[in-house]
Amino acid sequence: MIMTLTATDLGLPSTCGIPASRGRITKEAVHRMLHPLGKAGKQLTENIDSITMIATIGAESIAIPAGTMTKQINVMGIGLRGEKVPEEFLTCFSRDLDTRSSHAGRILYILYGDHGYSVAVYRNADIHVGLMAGAILLGDALADQVPRLRLLGDNLDKAWDSLCAQVLLGDEDGLDVDARIVASRQRKALERDLERLQRRHAREKQIAIRNGLWDQMVDIRKQLTELQGGHR
């Protein structure tokens, strides 16, 4: 596992990379800046080993102009102690950066530790489609495979949406990304429910209860089909 990641390790242009010697942020400095309380402060102390700015993606560092909503995309490396994702701290850190950037700075986290790599984004989503505004959204774990990212789109708004799609949906298409994220989360929740019902159905001996569980499974399969049809 590469513990000191660079922009080029992630597939990003070297021009947006920040040398490790300049990108390292001490936890003491973060404490002074944020004064994190409760779970956020505890996670900074107990669950985080290091914080590093890996890259700053902006019009001055790459050949993609700023968008209407996105002027800069920050890529942060978070070294973890253990497997717990410190979501409360990441949310606290992200909201502070969001405020400091006048809501025009985006943030993407590369999380790494003994569990391998994973990627998270802080997304100011469209609440009208069902996502919480200003939330940490976590992609799938990648074991020891270094995440690879691509900057696509003719402005940073589109590049950010594409990065979020890469992290959360497994494709590069940033079109209608918030609605697609919602559909993906709904689909995964339904699939978990279906697996649970299938296990109960296999164990159940009473016919009436088995029939009820079967009806629930049929309903979930119908919902999954509808979701698949609406977001291909």
C-alpha atoms as a PDB file:
ATOM      1  CA  MET A   1       0.000   0.000   0.000  1.00  0.00           C
ATOM      2  CA  ILE A   2       1.264   3.476  -0.935  1.00  0.00           C
ATOM      3  CA  MET A   3       1.076   5.570   2.226  1.00  0.00           C
ATOM      4  CA  THR A   4       2.217   8.842   0.604  1.00  0.00           C
ATOM      5  CA  LEU A   5      -0.094   9.276  -2.368  1.00  0.00           C
ATOM      6  CA  THR A   6       0.509  11.791  -5.132  1.00  0.00           C
ATOM      7  CA  ALA A   7      -1.844  13.292  -7.686  1.00  0.00           C
ATOM      8  CA  THR A   8      -0.330  11.134 -10.443  1.00  0.00           C
ATOM      9  CA  ASP A   9      -0.812   7.970  -8.339  1.00  0.00           C
ATOM     10  CA  LEU A  10      -4.540   8.767  -8.533  1.00  0.00           C
ATOM     11  CA  GLY A  11      -4.511   9.449 -12.284  1.00  0.00           C
ATOM     12  CA  LEU A  12      -4.704  13.237 -11.859  1.00  0.00           C
ATOM     13  CA  PRO A  13      -2.474  15.781 -13.640  1.00  0.00           C
ATOM     14  CA  SER A  14       0.813  16.483 -11.891  1.00  0.00           C
ATOM     15  CA  THR A  15       0.126  20.210 -12.224  1.00  0.00           C
ATOM     16  CA  CYS A  16      -2.551  20.038  -9.529  1.00  0.00           C
ATOM     17  CA  GLY A  17      -0.462  17.960  -7.130  1.00  0.00           C
ATOM     18  CA  ILE A  18       0.848  19.233  -3.813  1.00  0.00           C
ATOM     19  CA  PRO A  19       4.205  17.900  -2.524  1.00  0.00           C
ATOM     20  CA  ALA A  20       3.813  15.785   0.602  1.00  0.00           C
ATOM     21  CA  SER A  21       6.151  18.084   2.516  1.00  0.00           C
ATOM     22  CA  ARG A  22       3.715  20.971   1.981  1.00  0.00           C
ATOM     23  CA  GLY A  23       0.452  19.064   2.028  1.00  0.00           C
ATOM     24  CA  ARG A  24       0.698  17.487   5.477  1.00  0.00           C
ATOM     25  CA  ILE A  25      -1.724  19.040   8.004  1.00  0.00           C
ATOM     26  CA  THR A  26      -1.086  18.261  11.661  1.00  0.00           C
ATOM     27  CA  LYS A  27      -3.965  17.190  13.870  1.00  0.00           C
ATOM     28  CA  GLU A  28      -2.989  19.969  16.265  1.00  0.00           C
ATOM     29  CA  ALA A  29      -3.535  22.528  13.492  1.00  0.00           C
ATOM     30  CA  VAL A  30      -6.925  21.000  12.696  1.00  0.00           C
ATOM     31  CA  HIS A  31      -7.922  21.160  16.362  1.00  0.00           C
ATOM     32  CA  ARG A  32      -7.001  24.860  16.472  1.00  0.00           C
ATOM     33  CA  MET A  33      -8.888  25.583  13.258  1.00  0.00           C
ATOM     34  CA  LEU A  34     -12.071  23.589  13.885  1.00  0.00           C
ATOM     35  CA  HIS A  35     -12.357  23.050  17.626  1.00  0.00           C
ATOM     36  CA  PRO A  36     -14.253  19.816  16.829  1.00  0.00           C
ATOM     37  CA  LEU A  37     -16.618  18.665  19.562  1.00  0.00           C
ATOM     38  CA  GLY A  38     -18.273  15.377  20.474  1.00  0.00           C
ATOM     39  CA  LYS A  39     -17.846  12.494  18.033  1.00  0.00           C
ATOM     40  CA  ALA A  40     -15.959  14.648  15.515  1.00  0.00           C
ATOM     41  CA  GLY A  41     -13.275  15.534  18.057  1.00  0.00           C
ATOM     42  CA  LYS A  42     -13.048  11.968  19.349  1.00  0.00           C
ATOM     43  CA  GLN A  43     -12.653  10.592  15.817  1.00  0.00           C
ATOM     44  CA  LEU A  44      -9.884  13.093  15.018  1.00  0.00           C
ATOM     45  CA  THR A  45      -8.012  11.950  18.116  1.00  0.00           C
ATOM     46  CA  GLU A  46      -8.667   8.209  17.960  1.00  0.00           C
ATOM     47  CA  ASN A  47      -9.465   7.189  14.374  1.00  0.00           C
ATOM     48  CA  ILE A  48      -7.208   9.391  12.236  1.00  0.00           C
ATOM     49  CA  ASP A  49      -3.474   8.912  11.830  1.00  0.00           C
ATOM     50  CA  SER A  50      -2.706  11.611   9.252  1.00  0.00           C
ATOM     51  CA  ILE A  51      -4.269  14.312   7.072  1.00  0.00           C
ATOM     52  CA  THR A  52      -2.654  15.363   3.798  1.00  0.00           C
ATOM     53  CA  MET A  53      -3.696  17.651   0.963  1.00  0.00           C
ATOM     54  CA  ILE A  54      -2.851  15.625  -2.148  1.00  0.00           C
ATOM     55  CA  ALA A  55      -4.134  17.916  -4.913  1.00  0.00           C
ATOM     56  CA  THR A  56      -5.929  21.172  -5.541  1.00  0.00           C
ATOM     57  CA  ILE A  57      -7.827  21.098  -8.823  1.00  0.00           C
ATOM     58  CA  GLY A  58      -8.648  24.544 -10.174  1.00  0.00           C
ATOM     59  CA  ALA A  59      -8.579  26.583 -13.358  1.00  0.00           C
ATOM     60  CA  GLU A  60      -5.048  27.750 -12.522  1.00  0.00           C
ATOM     61  CA  SER A  61      -3.674  24.181 -12.274  1.00  0.00           C
ATOM     62  CA  ILE A  62      -5.500  22.332 -15.074  1.00  0.00           C
ATOM     63  CA  ALA A  63      -6.955  23.139 -18.470  1.00  0.00           C
ATOM     64  CA  ILE A  64     -10.560  23.070 -17.253  1.00  0.00           C
ATOM     65  CA  PRO A  65     -12.303  26.359 -16.414  1.00  0.00           C
ATOM     66  CA  ALA A  66     -14.261  26.972 -13.227  1.00  0.00           C
ATOM     67  CA  GLY A  67     -17.961  26.182 -13.254  1.00  0.00           C
ATOM     68  CA  THR A  68     -20.897  28.155 -11.956  1.00  0.00           C
ATOM     69  CA  MET A  69     -20.911  26.319  -8.614  1.00  0.00           C
ATOM     70  CA  THR A  70     -17.440  24.766  -8.444  1.00  0.00           C
ATOM     71  CA  LYS A  71     -14.265  26.834  -8.409  1.00  0.00           C
ATOM     72  CA  GLN A  72     -11.923  24.293  -6.812  1.00  0.00           C
ATOM     73  CA  ILE A  73     -11.801  20.581  -6.005  1.00  0.00           C
ATOM     74  CA  ASN A  74      -9.604  19.517  -3.100  1.00  0.00           C
ATOM     75  CA  VAL A  75      -8.300  15.956  -2.807  1.00  0.00           C
ATOM     76  CA  MET A  76      -7.388  14.960   0.744  1.00  0.00           C
ATOM     77  CA  GLY A  77      -5.613  11.849   1.996  1.00  0.00           C
ATOM     78  CA  ILE A  78      -6.831  10.535   5.348  1.00  0.00           C
ATOM     79  CA  GLY A  79      -4.715   7.871   7.065  1.00  0.00           C
ATOM     80  CA  LEU A  80      -6.932   5.781   9.327  1.00  0.00           C
ATOM     81  CA  ARG A  81      -6.391   3.863  12.537  1.00  0.00           C
ATOM     82  CA  GLY A  82      -8.588   0.802  12.227  1.00  0.00           C
ATOM     83  CA  GLU A  83     -11.459   0.338   9.782  1.00  0.00           C
ATOM     84  CA  LYS A  84     -13.972   2.878  11.107  1.00  0.00           C
ATOM     85  CA  VAL A  85     -14.714   5.716   8.672  1.00  0.00           C
ATOM     86  CA  PRO A  86     -14.708   8.940  10.753  1.00  0.00           C
ATOM     87  CA  GLU A  87     -17.816  10.373   9.104  1.00  0.00           C
ATOM     88  CA  GLU A  88     -18.589  12.941  11.815  1.00  0.00           C
ATOM     89  CA  PHE A  89     -15.096  14.420  11.607  1.00  0.00           C
ATOM     90  CA  LEU A  90     -15.097  14.417   7.799  1.00  0.00           C
ATOM     91  CA  THR A  91     -18.453  16.199   7.826  1.00  0.00           C
ATOM     92  CA  CYS A  92     -17.170  18.809  10.299  1.00  0.00           C
ATOM     93  CA  PHE A  93     -13.973  19.363   8.288  1.00  0.00           C
ATOM     94  CA  SER A  94     -15.882  19.558   5.002  1.00  0.00           C
ATOM     95  CA  ARG A  95     -18.472  22.030   6.253  1.00  0.00           C
ATOM     96  CA  ASP A  96     -15.717  24.335   7.494  1.00  0.00           C
ATOM     97  CA  LEU A  97     -13.982  24.231   4.116  1.00  0.00           C
ATOM     98  CA  ASP A  98     -17.312  24.711   2.362  1.00  0.00           C
ATOM     99  CA  THR A  99     -17.959  27.876   4.364  1.00  0.00           C
ATOM    100  CA  ARG A 100     -14.418  29.203   3.855  1.00  0.00           C
ATOM    101  CA  SER A 101     -14.739  28.725   0.075  1.00  0.00           C
ATOM    102  CA  SER A 102     -18.118  30.506  -0.066  1.00  0.00           C
ATOM    103  CA  HIS A 103     -19.659  27.146  -1.040  1.00  0.00           C
ATOM    104  CA  ALA A 104     -17.557  26.892  -4.216  1.00  0.00           C
ATOM    105  CA  GLY A 105     -14.911  24.406  -3.009  1.00  0.00           C
ATOM    106  CA  ARG A 106     -15.511  20.672  -3.290  1.00  0.00           C
ATOM    107  CA  ILE A 107     -13.717  17.934  -1.380  1.00  0.00           C
ATOM    108  CA  LEU A 108     -12.865  14.324  -2.158  1.00  0.00           C
ATOM    109  CA  TYR A 109     -11.240  12.034   0.411  1.00  0.00           C
ATOM    110  CA  ILE A 110      -8.875   9.146  -0.220  1.00  0.00           C
ATOM    111  CA  LEU A 111      -9.098   6.968   2.901  1.00  0.00           C
ATOM    112  CA  TYR A 112      -6.378   4.411   3.556  1.00  0.00           C
ATOM    113  CA  GLY A 113      -5.163   2.136   6.307  1.00  0.00           C
ATOM    114  CA  ASP A 114      -4.865  -1.542   7.163  1.00  0.00           C
ATOM    115  CA  HIS A 115      -8.248  -2.175   5.457  1.00  0.00           C
ATOM    116  CA  GLY A 116      -6.976  -0.862   2.118  1.00  0.00           C
ATOM    117  CA  TYR A 117      -8.341   2.118   0.218  1.00  0.00           C
ATOM    118  CA  SER A 118     -11.745   3.729  -0.126  1.00  0.00           C
ATOM    119  CA  VAL A 119     -12.970   7.063  -1.450  1.00  0.00           C
ATOM    120  CA  ALA A 120     -15.551   9.467  -0.062  1.00  0.00           C
ATOM    121  CA  VAL A 121     -16.980  12.764  -1.268  1.00  0.00           C
ATOM    122  CA  TYR A 122     -18.662  15.627   0.519  1.00  0.00           C
ATOM    123  CA  ARG A 123     -21.546  16.531  -1.748  1.00  0.00           C
ATOM    124  CA  ASN A 124     -23.883  19.499  -1.515  1.00  0.00           C
ATOM    125  CA  ALA A 125     -26.630  17.535  -3.176  1.00  0.00           C
ATOM    126  CA  ASP A 126     -29.958  18.537  -4.627  1.00  0.00           C
ATOM    127  CA  ILE A 127     -32.231  17.877  -1.634  1.00  0.00           C
ATOM    128  CA  HIS A 128     -35.255  17.749  -3.946  1.00  0.00           C
ATOM    129  CA  VAL A 129     -34.162  14.321  -5.226  1.00  0.00           C
ATOM    130  CA  GLY A 130     -33.809  12.861  -1.752  1.00  0.00           C
ATOM    131  CA  LEU A 131     -30.185  13.362  -0.718  1.00  0.00           C
ATOM    132  CA  MET A 132     -29.209  15.195   2.434  1.00  0.00           C
ATOM    133  CA  ALA A 133     -27.479  18.492   1.679  1.00  0.00           C
ATOM    134  CA  GLY A 134     -23.866  18.554   2.794  1.00  0.00           C
ATOM    135  CA  ALA A 135     -23.312  14.835   3.429  1.00  0.00           C
ATOM    136  CA  ILE A 136     -20.364  12.461   3.327  1.00  0.00           C
ATOM    137  CA  LEU A 137     -21.002   9.751   0.737  1.00  0.00           C
ATOM    138  CA  LEU A 138     -18.731   6.706   0.757  1.00  0.00           C
ATOM    139  CA  GLY A 139     -17.748   4.594  -2.211  1.00  0.00           C
ATOM    140  CA  ASP A 140     -16.982   0.883  -2.141  1.00  0.00           C
ATOM    141  CA  ALA A 141     -13.822  -0.381  -0.450  1.00  0.00           C
ATOM    142  CA  LEU A 142     -10.988  -1.069  -2.905  1.00  0.00           C
ATOM    143  CA  ALA A 143      -8.731  -3.376  -0.828  1.00  0.00           C
ATOM    144  CA  ASP A 144      -5.109  -2.627  -1.796  1.00  0.00           C
ATOM    145  CA  GLN A 145      -5.945  -1.103  -5.179  1.00  0.00           C
ATOM    146  CA  VAL A 146      -5.043   2.595  -5.408  1.00  0.00           C
ATOM    147  CA  PRO A 147      -8.109   4.580  -6.562  1.00  0.00           C
ATOM    148  CA  ARG A 148      -7.860   5.949 -10.101  1.00  0.00           C
ATOM    149  CA  LEU A 149      -9.732   9.092 -11.084  1.00  0.00           C
ATOM    150  CA  ARG A 150     -10.348  10.913 -14.365  1.00  0.00           C
ATOM    151  CA  LEU A 151     -11.098  14.582 -14.871  1.00  0.00           C
ATOM    152  CA  LEU A 152     -13.844  14.823 -17.483  1.00  0.00           C
ATOM    153  CA  GLY A 153     -16.062  17.694 -18.579  1.00  0.00           C
ATOM    154  CA  ASP A 154     -15.626  21.162 -20.036  1.00  0.00           C
ATOM    155  CA  ASN A 155     -15.882  22.924 -16.666  1.00  0.00           C
ATOM    156  CA  LEU A 156     -15.336  22.082 -12.993  1.00  0.00           C
ATOM    157  CA  ASP A 157     -19.060  21.632 -12.295  1.00  0.00           C
ATOM    158  CA  LYS A 158     -19.134  18.762 -14.785  1.00  0.00           C
ATOM    159  CA  ALA A 159     -15.745  17.440 -13.653  1.00  0.00           C
ATOM    160  CA  TRP A 160     -17.005  17.284 -10.056  1.00  0.00           C
ATOM    161  CA  ASP A 161     -20.216  15.491 -11.017  1.00  0.00           C
ATOM    162  CA  SER A 162     -18.166  12.993 -13.027  1.00  0.00           C
ATOM    163  CA  LEU A 163     -15.811  12.375 -10.085  1.00  0.00           C
ATOM    164  CA  CYS A 164     -18.799  11.759  -7.808  1.00  0.00           C
ATOM    165  CA  ALA A 165     -20.195   9.285 -10.347  1.00  0.00           C
ATOM    166  CA  GLN A 166     -16.835   7.509 -10.504  1.00  0.00           C
ATOM    167  CA  VAL A 167     -16.661   7.193  -6.712  1.00  0.00           C
ATOM    168  CA  LEU A 168     -20.303   6.338  -5.980  1.00  0.00           C
ATOM    169  CA  LEU A 169     -21.727   4.792  -9.150  1.00  0.00           C
ATOM    170  CA  GLY A 170     -18.795   3.109 -10.868  1.00  0.00           C
ATOM    171  CA  ASP A 171     -19.074   5.086 -14.099  1.00  0.00           C
ATOM    172  CA  GLU A 172     -17.875   8.450 -15.434  1.00  0.00           C
ATOM    173  CA  ASP A 173     -21.215   9.956 -16.413  1.00  0.00           C
ATOM    174  CA  GLY A 174     -22.001  12.984 -14.256  1.00  0.00           C
ATOM    175  CA  LEU A 175     -25.410  13.561 -15.836  1.00  0.00           C
ATOM    176  CA  ASP A 176     -28.304  13.560 -13.338  1.00  0.00           C
ATOM    177  CA  VAL A 177     -25.849  12.323 -10.712  1.00  0.00           C
ATOM    178  CA  ASP A 178     -27.837  13.159  -7.560  1.00  0.00           C
ATOM    179  CA  ALA A 179     -30.934  11.282  -8.710  1.00  0.00           C
ATOM    180  CA  ARG A 180     -28.773   8.344  -9.782  1.00  0.00           C
ATOM    181  CA  ILE A 181     -27.041   8.271  -6.387  1.00  0.00           C
ATOM    182  CA  VAL A 182     -30.442   8.171  -4.677  1.00  0.00           C
ATOM    183  CA  ALA A 183     -31.574   5.322  -6.936  1.00  0.00           C
ATOM    184  CA  SER A 184     -28.351   3.403  -6.268  1.00  0.00           C
ATOM    185  CA  ARG A 185     -28.728   3.762  -2.501  1.00  0.00           C
ATOM    186  CA  GLN A 186     -32.383   2.677  -2.702  1.00  0.00           C
ATOM    187  CA  ARG A 187     -31.414  -0.318  -4.818  1.00  0.00           C
ATOM    188  CA  LYS A 188     -28.703  -1.431  -2.372  1.00  0.00           C
ATOM    189  CA  ALA A 189     -31.101  -1.084   0.571  1.00  0.00           C
ATOM    190  CA  LEU A 190     -33.729  -3.166  -1.248  1.00  0.00           C
ATOM    191  CA  GLU A 191     -31.148  -5.808  -2.142  1.00  0.00           C
ATOM    192  CA  ARG A 192     -30.147  -6.071   1.524  1.00  0.00           C
ATOM    193  CA  ASP A 193     -33.814  -6.444   2.492  1.00  0.00           C
ATOM    194  CA  LEU A 194     -34.306  -9.109  -0.169  1.00  0.00           C
ATOM    195  CA  GLU A 195     -31.332 -11.126   1.081  1.00  0.00           C
ATOM    196  CA  ARG A 196     -32.666 -10.927   4.643  1.00  0.00           C
ATOM    197  CA  LEU A 197     -36.128 -12.093   3.556  1.00  0.00           C
ATOM    198  CA  GLN A 198     -34.664 -14.932   1.504  1.00  0.00           C
ATOM    199  CA  ARG A 199     -32.790 -16.209   4.547  1.00  0.00           C
ATOM    200  CA  ARG A 200     -35.934 -16.002   6.692  1.00  0.00           C
ATOM    201  CA  HIS A 201     -37.999 -17.718   3.981  1.00  0.00           C
ATOM    202  CA  ALA A 202     -35.509 -20.589   3.748  1.00  0.00           C
ATOM    203  CA  ARG A 203     -35.678 -21.186   7.519  1.00  0.00           C
ATOM    204  CA  GLU A 204     -39.418 -20.684   8.059  1.00  0.00           C
ATOM    205  CA  LYS A 205     -41.578 -23.808   8.461  1.00  0.00           C
ATOM    206  CA  GLN A 206     -45.070 -22.308   8.729  1.00  0.00           C
ATOM    207  CA  ILE A 207     -46.762 -22.065   5.346  1.00  0.00           C
ATOM    208  CA  ALA A 208     -48.689 -18.869   6.102  1.00  0.00           C
ATOM    209  CA  ILE A 209     -45.559 -17.029   7.206  1.00  0.00           C
ATOM    210  CA  ARG A 210     -43.563 -18.375   4.238  1.00  0.00           C
ATOM    211  CA  ASN A 211     -46.267 -17.095   1.890  1.00  0.00           C
ATOM    212  CA  GLY A 212     -46.159 -13.663   3.528  1.00  0.00           C
ATOM    213  CA  LEU A 213     -42.387 -13.510   3.172  1.00  0.00           C
ATOM    214  CA  TRP A 214     -42.704 -14.601  -0.461  1.00  0.00           C
ATOM    215  CA  ASP A 215     -45.154 -11.765  -1.149  1.00  0.00           C
ATOM    216  CA  GLN A 216     -42.696  -9.278   0.381  1.00  0.00           C
ATOM    217  CA  MET A 217     -39.912 -10.627  -1.836  1.00  0.00           C
ATOM    218  CA  VAL A 218     -42.114 -10.294  -4.916  1.00  0.00           C
ATOM    219  CA  ASP A 219     -42.829  -6.668  -4.001  1.00  0.00           C
ATOM    220  CA  ILE A 220     -39.116  -5.888  -3.542  1.00  0.00           C
ATOM    221  CA  ARG A 221     -38.235  -7.512  -6.864  1.00  0.00           C
ATOM    222  CA  LYS A 222     -40.880  -5.345  -8.516  1.00  0.00           C
ATOM    223  CA  GLN A 223     -39.384  -2.207  -6.952  1.00  0.00           C
ATOM    224  CA  LEU A 224     -35.905  -3.241  -8.113  1.00  0.00           C
ATOM    225  CA  THR A 225     -37.172  -3.709 -11.652  1.00  0.00           C
ATOM    226  CA  GLU A 226     -38.782  -0.259 -11.598  1.00  0.00           C
ATOM    227  CA  LEU A 227     -35.574   1.347 -10.312  1.00  0.00           C
ATOM    228  CA  GLN A 228     -33.540  -0.400 -12.982  1.00  0.00           C
ATOM    229  CA  GLY A 229     -35.918   0.816 -15.669  1.00  0.00           C
ATOM    230  CA  GLY A 230     -35.841   4.394 -14.452  1.00  0.00           C
ATOM    231  CA  HIS A 231     -32.044   4.736 -14.188  1.00  0.00           C
ATOM    232  CA  ARG A 232     -30.252   2.734 -16.832  1.00  0.00           C
END
